[in-house]
Amino acid sequence: MLNKVTVLGAGVWGSVIARHMHNLGMQVSVWEYSKDLLDNIKANGGAHPNIPNFKFDETYTLTNDLKTAVEGADLLVFVFSSKAVRSVCQQLKTILNGKVVPVLNAAKGLEDQTFKTMSEIIEEELPFLKNKVVAFSGPSFALEVAKGIPTKITLAGYDEDLLKELQNKLTKKPLCFELSKDRRGAEYGGAIKNVVAIGCGILDGIGEGANTKAALLTEAMQEMSKIMLSQGCTLYTVYSLCGLGDAILTGMSAISRNRRLGEKLGQGLDLEEAKKQVGTIAEGLNSVQSVQDIINKNNLNCPVINAIWEIVVQGKPANTLLKALGFKDE
């Protein structure tokens, strides 16, 4: 029975998920690492600086203390940078002390060198949660969910009863859920699509049109399938909500952080300046190197994703991506 939920991360997505849980009648605690963000929210009466018409009321527990946030929780929701997942889990190990609390993981990315997904890292650091970690992934802009726009998301995991319980408990407008047993695939799709979105943004920055972007998405999906199949994921997942669906959303929409980062690079900015102008975390940056390493390790032919890596990591010119698509200089 899910009565108390702890959302780890008070960014835009974490806050929107917290409100959804609250609207379902759950007691909600929100933990945020950034004291500045937390102080801003509290100083403005619960209003979130990055979400229009959003407010935490006094029934939420907002805290910077992880132990306080987690106490008594029936469900933990991970909604923070993938780079911090392992370190937060190491803190949770002492706090939970073997207590089995299911985790709903919305953190997207792959760990450098190990290629492990975030759910795999959670279970490695917290082995008593084996099979109790569910991936939460799919085409879902938080600001659209905040406006009540219907959104379908994948819940992927290995405990069928837990998946069904979460589906039944969390389904309420604007959210509905499909279930999947391919958790690894759901998380790989969620990581790789962010890299693809950077590529879509690079084309926007260059000034190319929808024709070119359609070619990029088609080629990139074929490359995504090679990468994901090499890692034991299913082809069905590649073309599901958390693969193709998410790639379309993040690659085509003006509000995508990853697409905006790519657009800045396509306009000729260097990576540091592009990051500064985008402002918030573009998770694709955390995945570019890992995805390229998988390509290299498995000898895969993925010229489009390789070109995105060259532009992001090596600082090569934006037209490198056009050449990878087969276009020749005039």
Foldseek 3Di string as FASTA:
>chain_A
DFAEEEEEAPDLQSVLVQVLLVVLVHQYEYEHQDPVQLCVCVVVQQDHPVAPPDGDHPSYHYYNDPLVRPPPGQEYEYDDELVCLLVVLLVVCVSCVLPAHAYEYAHAAAAPPVRDFSQVSNCVSRVSNVQRYWYWAFADDSNCQVVQAADEIETETQDVVNQVVCQVSSDDTNYHYDYYPQRVLLRLQQQLLLLLLLLLLLCVLLPDDPVVNVLSLVLSLVLSQVLQVVVVGDPVSCVDRSHSVNSCNSNPDPLRLSSQLSNCLSNPDANVVSCVVSPDDSNNVNHLNRSVVSCVVVVHDRLQSVQSSCCNPVVDHSCSNVVSSPDDDD
